[in-house]
C-alpha atoms as a PDB file:
ATOM      1  CA  MET A   1       8.254  10.720   9.267  1.00  0.00           C
ATOM      2  CA  ILE A   2       9.826  12.603   6.543  1.00  0.00           C
ATOM      3  CA  CYS A   3       7.903  15.984   6.793  1.00  0.00           C
ATOM      4  CA  TYR A   4       8.013  18.424   9.919  1.00  0.00           C
ATOM      5  CA  ASP A   5       6.199  17.290  12.728  1.00  0.00           C
ATOM      6  CA  TYR A   6       3.734  20.531  12.495  1.00  0.00           C
ATOM      7  CA  ILE A   7       3.035  19.893   9.021  1.00  0.00           C
ATOM      8  CA  ASN A   8       1.600  16.064   9.676  1.00  0.00           C
ATOM      9  CA  ASP A   9      -0.064  17.372  12.653  1.00  0.00           C
ATOM     10  CA  TYR A  10      -1.750  20.103  10.833  1.00  0.00           C
ATOM     11  CA  ILE A  11      -2.635  17.675   8.273  1.00  0.00           C
ATOM     12  CA  ARG A  12      -3.938  14.924  10.477  1.00  0.00           C
ATOM     13  CA  ASN A  13      -5.745  17.235  12.637  1.00  0.00           C
ATOM     14  CA  THR A  14      -7.770  18.991   9.253  1.00  0.00           C
ATOM     15  CA  ILE A  15      -8.637  15.787   7.098  1.00  0.00           C
ATOM     16  CA  LYS A  16     -11.772  14.227   8.119  1.00  0.00           C
ATOM     17  CA  LYS A  17     -11.530  11.149  10.847  1.00  0.00           C
ATOM     18  CA  ASN A  18     -12.726   7.995  10.047  1.00  0.00           C
ATOM     19  CA  GLU A  19     -15.609   6.428  12.263  1.00  0.00           C
ATOM     20  CA  GLY A  20     -16.603   2.732  13.033  1.00  0.00           C
ATOM     21  CA  ILE A  21     -14.269  -0.106  12.189  1.00  0.00           C
ATOM     22  CA  LEU A  22     -11.775   1.752  10.648  1.00  0.00           C
ATOM     23  CA  LYS A  23     -11.330   4.144  13.624  1.00  0.00           C
ATOM     24  CA  ASP A  24     -11.334   0.823  15.778  1.00  0.00           C
ATOM     25  CA  MET A  25      -8.578  -0.835  13.817  1.00  0.00           C
ATOM     26  CA  GLU A  26      -6.598   2.573  13.711  1.00  0.00           C
ATOM     27  CA  ASP A  27      -7.060   2.590  17.445  1.00  0.00           C
ATOM     28  CA  PHE A  28      -5.632  -0.965  17.997  1.00  0.00           C
ATOM     29  CA  ALA A  29      -2.811  -0.658  15.520  1.00  0.00           C
ATOM     30  CA  ALA A  30      -1.815   2.298  17.730  1.00  0.00           C
ATOM     31  CA  GLU A  31      -1.917   0.321  21.006  1.00  0.00           C
ATOM     32  CA  ASN A  32      -0.557  -2.669  19.321  1.00  0.00           C
ATOM     33  CA  HIS A  33       2.077  -1.262  17.321  1.00  0.00           C
ATOM     34  CA  VAL A  34       0.917  -2.538  13.936  1.00  0.00           C
ATOM     35  CA  PRO A  35       1.801  -0.684  10.877  1.00  0.00           C
ATOM     36  CA  ILE A  36      -1.109   0.955   9.056  1.00  0.00           C
ATOM     37  CA  VAL A  37      -1.046   3.600   6.250  1.00  0.00           C
ATOM     38  CA  HIS A  38      -0.716   6.771   7.625  1.00  0.00           C
ATOM     39  CA  PRO A  39      -3.813   9.149   7.911  1.00  0.00           C
ATOM     40  CA  GLU A  40      -2.733  11.298   5.076  1.00  0.00           C
ATOM     41  CA  VAL A  41      -1.934   8.511   2.716  1.00  0.00           C
ATOM     42  CA  ALA A  42      -5.137   6.632   3.389  1.00  0.00           C
ATOM     43  CA  LYS A  43      -6.855   9.943   2.676  1.00  0.00           C
ATOM     44  CA  LEU A  44      -4.788  10.088  -0.866  1.00  0.00           C
ATOM     45  CA  LEU A  45      -5.903   6.503  -1.660  1.00  0.00           C
ATOM     46  CA  GLN A  46      -9.481   7.040  -1.338  1.00  0.00           C
ATOM     47  CA  VAL A  47      -9.277  10.274  -3.328  1.00  0.00           C
ATOM     48  CA  ILE A  48      -7.236   8.558  -6.308  1.00  0.00           C
ATOM     49  CA  GLY A  49      -9.329   5.482  -5.775  1.00  0.00           C
ATOM     50  CA  MET A  50     -12.685   7.571  -6.290  1.00  0.00           C
ATOM     51  CA  THR A  51     -11.107   9.186  -9.491  1.00  0.00           C
ATOM     52  CA  LYS A  52      -9.928   5.860 -10.684  1.00  0.00           C
ATOM     53  CA  LYS A  53     -12.795   4.080  -9.927  1.00  0.00           C
ATOM     54  CA  PRO A  54     -11.383   0.718  -9.971  1.00  0.00           C
ATOM     55  CA  MET A  55     -13.085  -2.996 -10.475  1.00  0.00           C
ATOM     56  CA  ARG A  56     -10.153  -4.890  -9.027  1.00  0.00           C
ATOM     57  CA  ILE A  57      -7.510  -4.012  -6.690  1.00  0.00           C
ATOM     58  CA  LEU A  58      -4.498  -6.090  -5.813  1.00  0.00           C
ATOM     59  CA  GLU A  59      -2.672  -5.280  -2.305  1.00  0.00           C
ATOM     60  CA  LEU A  60       0.565  -6.868  -1.159  1.00  0.00           C
ATOM     61  CA  GLY A  61       0.673  -6.640   2.807  1.00  0.00           C
ATOM     62  CA  THR A  62      -2.654  -7.179   4.371  1.00  0.00           C
ATOM     63  CA  ALA A  63      -1.677  -6.941   8.173  1.00  0.00           C
ATOM     64  CA  ILE A  64      -4.770  -6.377  10.037  1.00  0.00           C
ATOM     65  CA  GLY A  65      -7.100  -5.540   6.885  1.00  0.00           C
ATOM     66  CA  TYR A  66      -6.889  -1.648   7.453  1.00  0.00           C
ATOM     67  CA  SER A  67      -6.194  -0.779   3.700  1.00  0.00           C
ATOM     68  CA  SER A  68      -8.249  -3.439   2.011  1.00  0.00           C
ATOM     69  CA  ILE A  69     -11.273  -2.366   4.231  1.00  0.00           C
ATOM     70  CA  LEU A  70     -10.536   1.194   3.060  1.00  0.00           C
ATOM     71  CA  LEU A  71     -10.244   0.460  -0.226  1.00  0.00           C
ATOM     72  CA  SER A  72     -13.100  -1.380  -0.514  1.00  0.00           C
ATOM     73  CA  GLY A  73     -15.171   1.946  -0.494  1.00  0.00           C
ATOM     74  CA  ILE A  74     -13.644   3.165  -3.932  1.00  0.00           C
ATOM     75  CA  LEU A  75     -14.426   0.054  -5.964  1.00  0.00           C
ATOM     76  CA  LEU A  76     -17.273  -0.319  -8.304  1.00  0.00           C
ATOM     77  CA  PRO A  77     -20.269  -2.118  -7.694  1.00  0.00           C
ATOM     78  CA  ASP A  78     -19.448  -5.937  -7.578  1.00  0.00           C
ATOM     79  CA  GLY A  79     -15.653  -4.941  -7.236  1.00  0.00           C
ATOM     80  CA  LYS A  80     -13.042  -7.263  -5.439  1.00  0.00           C
ATOM     81  CA  ILE A  81      -9.924  -6.905  -3.752  1.00  0.00           C
ATOM     82  CA  ASP A  82      -7.349  -9.710  -3.624  1.00  0.00           C
ATOM     83  CA  THR A  83      -4.751  -9.103  -0.858  1.00  0.00           C
ATOM     84  CA  ILE A  84      -1.847 -11.208   0.126  1.00  0.00           C
ATOM     85  CA  GLU A  85      -0.235 -11.675   3.525  1.00  0.00           C
ATOM     86  CA  ARG A  86       2.545 -14.015   4.596  1.00  0.00           C
ATOM     87  CA  TYR A  87       1.995 -13.983   8.444  1.00  0.00           C
ATOM     88  CA  GLU A  88      -0.845 -16.436   9.677  1.00  0.00           C
ATOM     89  CA  LEU A  89      -1.544 -14.183  12.836  1.00  0.00           C
ATOM     90  CA  MET A  90      -2.100 -11.211  10.636  1.00  0.00           C
ATOM     91  CA  VAL A  91      -4.350 -13.412   8.379  1.00  0.00           C
ATOM     92  CA  GLU A  92      -6.457 -14.007  11.120  1.00  0.00           C
ATOM     93  CA  ARG A  93      -6.703 -10.627  12.558  1.00  0.00           C
ATOM     94  CA  ALA A  94      -7.325  -9.279   9.092  1.00  0.00           C
ATOM     95  CA  LYS A  95     -10.379 -12.258   8.562  1.00  0.00           C
ATOM     96  CA  SER A  96     -11.792 -10.802  11.624  1.00  0.00           C
ATOM     97  CA  ASN A  97     -11.853  -7.244  10.857  1.00  0.00           C
ATOM     98  CA  ILE A  98     -13.336  -8.119   7.252  1.00  0.00           C
ATOM     99  CA  LYS A  99     -16.058 -10.164   8.699  1.00  0.00           C
ATOM    100  CA  LYS A 100     -17.127  -7.292  10.991  1.00  0.00           C
ATOM    101  CA  ALA A 101     -17.155  -5.119   8.322  1.00  0.00           C
ATOM    102  CA  ASN A 102     -19.269  -7.883   6.129  1.00  0.00           C
ATOM    103  CA  LEU A 103     -16.678  -7.739   3.243  1.00  0.00           C
ATOM    104  CA  GLU A 104     -15.924 -11.323   2.976  1.00  0.00           C
ATOM    105  CA  ASP A 105     -17.486 -11.444  -0.381  1.00  0.00           C
ATOM    106  CA  VAL A 106     -15.443  -8.329  -1.466  1.00  0.00           C
ATOM    107  CA  ILE A 107     -12.032  -8.800   0.054  1.00  0.00           C
ATOM    108  CA  ASN A 108     -10.027 -12.057  -0.681  1.00  0.00           C
ATOM    109  CA  ILE A 109      -7.137 -12.712   1.464  1.00  0.00           C
ATOM    110  CA  ILE A 110      -4.569 -14.842  -0.084  1.00  0.00           C
ATOM    111  CA  ASN A 111      -1.892 -16.573   2.845  1.00  0.00           C
ATOM    112  CA  GLY A 112       1.433 -16.841   1.452  1.00  0.00           C
ATOM    113  CA  ASP A 113       4.794 -15.514   0.122  1.00  0.00           C
ATOM    114  CA  ALA A 114       3.988 -12.579  -2.078  1.00  0.00           C
ATOM    115  CA  LEU A 115       6.274 -13.212  -4.836  1.00  0.00           C
ATOM    116  CA  GLU A 116       5.348 -17.093  -4.975  1.00  0.00           C
ATOM    117  CA  VAL A 117       1.569 -15.588  -4.876  1.00  0.00           C
ATOM    118  CA  LEU A 118       2.302 -13.281  -7.811  1.00  0.00           C
ATOM    119  CA  LYS A 119       3.682 -15.538  -9.962  1.00  0.00           C
ATOM    120  CA  CYS A 120       0.545 -17.753  -9.903  1.00  0.00           C
ATOM    121  CA  LEU A 121      -2.054 -14.966 -10.194  1.00  0.00           C
ATOM    122  CA  ASP A 122      -3.534 -14.431 -13.920  1.00  0.00           C
ATOM    123  CA  LYS A 123      -5.894 -11.622 -13.175  1.00  0.00           C
ATOM    124  CA  GLN A 124      -5.623  -7.907 -14.032  1.00  0.00           C
ATOM    125  CA  TYR A 125      -5.978  -5.290 -11.778  1.00  0.00           C
ATOM    126  CA  ASP A 126      -6.746  -1.614 -11.952  1.00  0.00           C
ATOM    127  CA  ILE A 127      -4.818  -0.831  -8.975  1.00  0.00           C
ATOM    128  CA  VAL A 128      -1.929  -2.478  -7.470  1.00  0.00           C
ATOM    129  CA  PHE A 129      -1.235  -1.475  -3.852  1.00  0.00           C
ATOM    130  CA  LEU A 130       2.388  -2.416  -3.001  1.00  0.00           C
ATOM    131  CA  ASP A 131       2.763  -2.356   0.858  1.00  0.00           C
ATOM    132  CA  ALA A 132       4.850  -5.242   1.722  1.00  0.00           C
ATOM    133  CA  ALA A 133       8.705  -5.995   2.820  1.00  0.00           C
ATOM    134  CA  LYS A 134      10.596  -3.134   1.377  1.00  0.00           C
ATOM    135  CA  GLY A 135      13.431  -4.650   0.306  1.00  0.00           C
ATOM    136  CA  GLN A 136      11.606  -7.077  -2.176  1.00  0.00           C
ATOM    137  CA  TYR A 137       9.981  -4.322  -3.989  1.00  0.00           C
ATOM    138  CA  PRO A 138      12.304  -4.985  -7.042  1.00  0.00           C
ATOM    139  CA  GLU A 139      11.592  -8.392  -7.139  1.00  0.00           C
ATOM    140  CA  PHE A 140       7.660  -7.665  -6.990  1.00  0.00           C
ATOM    141  CA  LEU A 141       7.612  -4.825  -9.505  1.00  0.00           C
ATOM    142  CA  PRO A 142       7.737  -7.309 -12.856  1.00  0.00           C
ATOM    143  CA  GLU A 143       5.036  -9.382 -11.787  1.00  0.00           C
ATOM    144  CA  CYS A 144       2.970  -6.202 -10.314  1.00  0.00           C
ATOM    145  CA  LEU A 145       3.332  -4.600 -13.795  1.00  0.00           C
ATOM    146  CA  ARG A 146       2.274  -7.911 -15.588  1.00  0.00           C
ATOM    147  CA  LEU A 147      -1.087  -8.320 -13.455  1.00  0.00           C
ATOM    148  CA  LEU A 148      -1.396  -4.184 -13.697  1.00  0.00           C
ATOM    149  CA  SER A 149      -3.774  -3.333 -16.346  1.00  0.00           C
ATOM    150  CA  PRO A 150      -3.018  -0.492 -19.126  1.00  0.00           C
ATOM    151  CA  GLY A 151      -4.132   2.604 -17.840  1.00  0.00           C
ATOM    152  CA  GLY A 152      -3.791   0.874 -14.031  1.00  0.00           C
ATOM    153  CA  LEU A 153      -2.150   2.403 -11.227  1.00  0.00           C
ATOM    154  CA  LEU A 154       0.810   1.160  -9.053  1.00  0.00           C
ATOM    155  CA  ILE A 155       0.894   2.611  -5.504  1.00  0.00           C
ATOM    156  CA  SER A 156       4.351   2.120  -3.528  1.00  0.00           C
ATOM    157  CA  ASP A 157       3.760   2.806  -0.025  1.00  0.00           C
ATOM    158  CA  ASN A 158       6.973   3.630   2.669  1.00  0.00           C
ATOM    159  CA  ILE A 159       9.003   4.487  -0.540  1.00  0.00           C
ATOM    160  CA  LEU A 160      11.463   7.119   0.983  1.00  0.00           C
ATOM    161  CA  TYR A 161      11.895   4.946   4.079  1.00  0.00           C
ATOM    162  CA  LYS A 162      12.084   7.538   6.948  1.00  0.00           C
ATOM    163  CA  GLY A 163      14.210   9.752   4.884  1.00  0.00           C
ATOM    164  CA  MET A 164      17.071   7.610   4.385  1.00  0.00           C
ATOM    165  CA  ILE A 165      16.350   7.232   0.706  1.00  0.00           C
ATOM    166  CA  ALA A 166      17.178  10.787   0.254  1.00  0.00           C
ATOM    167  CA  ASN A 167      19.788  11.205   2.484  1.00  0.00           C
ATOM    168  CA  ASP A 168      23.048   9.018   3.318  1.00  0.00           C
ATOM    169  CA  GLU A 169      23.543  10.691   6.628  1.00  0.00           C
ATOM    170  CA  LEU A 170      20.053   9.261   7.952  1.00  0.00           C
ATOM    171  CA  VAL A 171      20.917   5.473   6.783  1.00  0.00           C
ATOM    172  CA  VAL A 172      20.983   3.245   9.711  1.00  0.00           C
ATOM    173  CA  ARG A 173      23.901   0.587   9.060  1.00  0.00           C
ATOM    174  CA  ARG A 174      21.737  -2.396   8.992  1.00  0.00           C
ATOM    175  CA  LYS A 175      19.094  -0.639   6.903  1.00  0.00           C
ATOM    176  CA  LYS A 176      21.593  -0.169   4.099  1.00  0.00           C
ATOM    177  CA  THR A 177      20.616  -3.184   1.660  1.00  0.00           C
ATOM    178  CA  ILE A 178      16.904  -2.058   2.064  1.00  0.00           C
ATOM    179  CA  VAL A 179      17.717   1.543   1.324  1.00  0.00           C
ATOM    180  CA  LYS A 180      19.878   0.170  -1.881  1.00  0.00           C
ATOM    181  CA  ARG A 181      17.264  -1.803  -3.413  1.00  0.00           C
ATOM    182  CA  LEU A 182      14.571   0.907  -2.805  1.00  0.00           C
ATOM    183  CA  ARG A 183      16.805   3.368  -4.512  1.00  0.00           C
ATOM    184  CA  SER A 184      16.927   0.704  -7.323  1.00  0.00           C
ATOM    185  CA  TYR A 185      13.282   0.398  -7.327  1.00  0.00           C
ATOM    186  CA  LEU A 186      12.611   4.075  -7.479  1.00  0.00           C
ATOM    187  CA  ASN A 187      15.343   4.484 -10.219  1.00  0.00           C
ATOM    188  CA  ILE A 188      13.630   1.719 -12.484  1.00  0.00           C
ATOM    189  CA  LEU A 189       9.957   3.435 -11.654  1.00  0.00           C
ATOM    190  CA  CYS A 190      11.065   7.052 -12.780  1.00  0.00           C
ATOM    191  CA  ASN A 191      12.999   5.617 -15.909  1.00  0.00           C
ATOM    192  CA  SER A 192      10.723   3.214 -17.316  1.00  0.00           C
ATOM    193  CA  GLU A 193       9.234   3.887 -20.728  1.00  0.00           C
ATOM    194  CA  ASN A 194       6.024   2.307 -19.886  1.00  0.00           C
ATOM    195  CA  LEU A 195       5.017   4.194 -16.641  1.00  0.00           C
ATOM    196  CA  GLU A 196       4.787   7.845 -15.457  1.00  0.00           C
ATOM    197  CA  THR A 197       5.734   8.167 -11.904  1.00  0.00           C
ATOM    198  CA  SER A 198       5.430  10.877  -9.208  1.00  0.00           C
ATOM    199  CA  ILE A 199       7.038  10.708  -5.613  1.00  0.00           C
ATOM    200  CA  ILE A 200       4.966  12.444  -2.993  1.00  0.00           C
ATOM    201  CA  PRO A 201       6.631  12.908   0.223  1.00  0.00           C
ATOM    202  CA  ILE A 202       3.866  12.372   2.747  1.00  0.00           C
ATOM    203  CA  GLY A 203       3.414   9.654   5.387  1.00  0.00           C
ATOM    204  CA  ASP A 204       6.766   7.510   4.425  1.00  0.00           C
ATOM    205  CA  GLY A 205       6.708   8.470   0.973  1.00  0.00           C
ATOM    206  CA  VAL A 206       4.560   7.557  -2.074  1.00  0.00           C
ATOM    207  CA  ALA A 207       5.194   6.632  -5.640  1.00  0.00           C
ATOM    208  CA  LEU A 208       2.347   6.968  -7.700  1.00  0.00           C
ATOM    209  CA  SER A 209       3.185   5.123 -11.229  1.00  0.00           C
ATOM    210  CA  TYR A 210       0.664   5.469 -14.221  1.00  0.00           C
ATOM    211  CA  LYS A 211       0.738   2.106 -16.478  1.00  0.00           C
ATOM    212  CA  LYS A 212       0.788   3.518 -20.073  1.00  0.00           C
END
């Protein structure tokens, strides 16, 4: 967490709770230590998506399919989501959840290394949600921007990485490389002439980048 616990607790106790399959997936993730987006970040994604009204979304990092199912609710009619996941166990769990949600015709899981998959895609997306290997964010970025439509939004999760990005005293030795790469990534986002970026300190940090 990068905010005071009492702030996180207040926000999470105030925002509307999910029901149905999303609630079931939240419970599964908590019990099995599966990382999914924080509740306050999930709500941010929903609100932003409702204003953006996307037809196509690309997600890097499917996990159990939580974010994809969440984001399916903001798509325009006949909208689609492509989501990339390298771990087969997660792919199988995600497929099961997507089937339970009756979203097999909406959400397409691509099993493979994200960077390799990105290079093979040639569609344009209204939103790209980046929630994969943090140390590879700088490598993902050129391909994500290539696939992002003008006027599109790149959403990068976990961008402050437990506060280590902002404070050297918090950096764990084994995480130094990831921290260095995430700092480089943020520097690129914030200084690009083709992007307008805001960094929001909720969850583990979210960067919103608008492609001009």
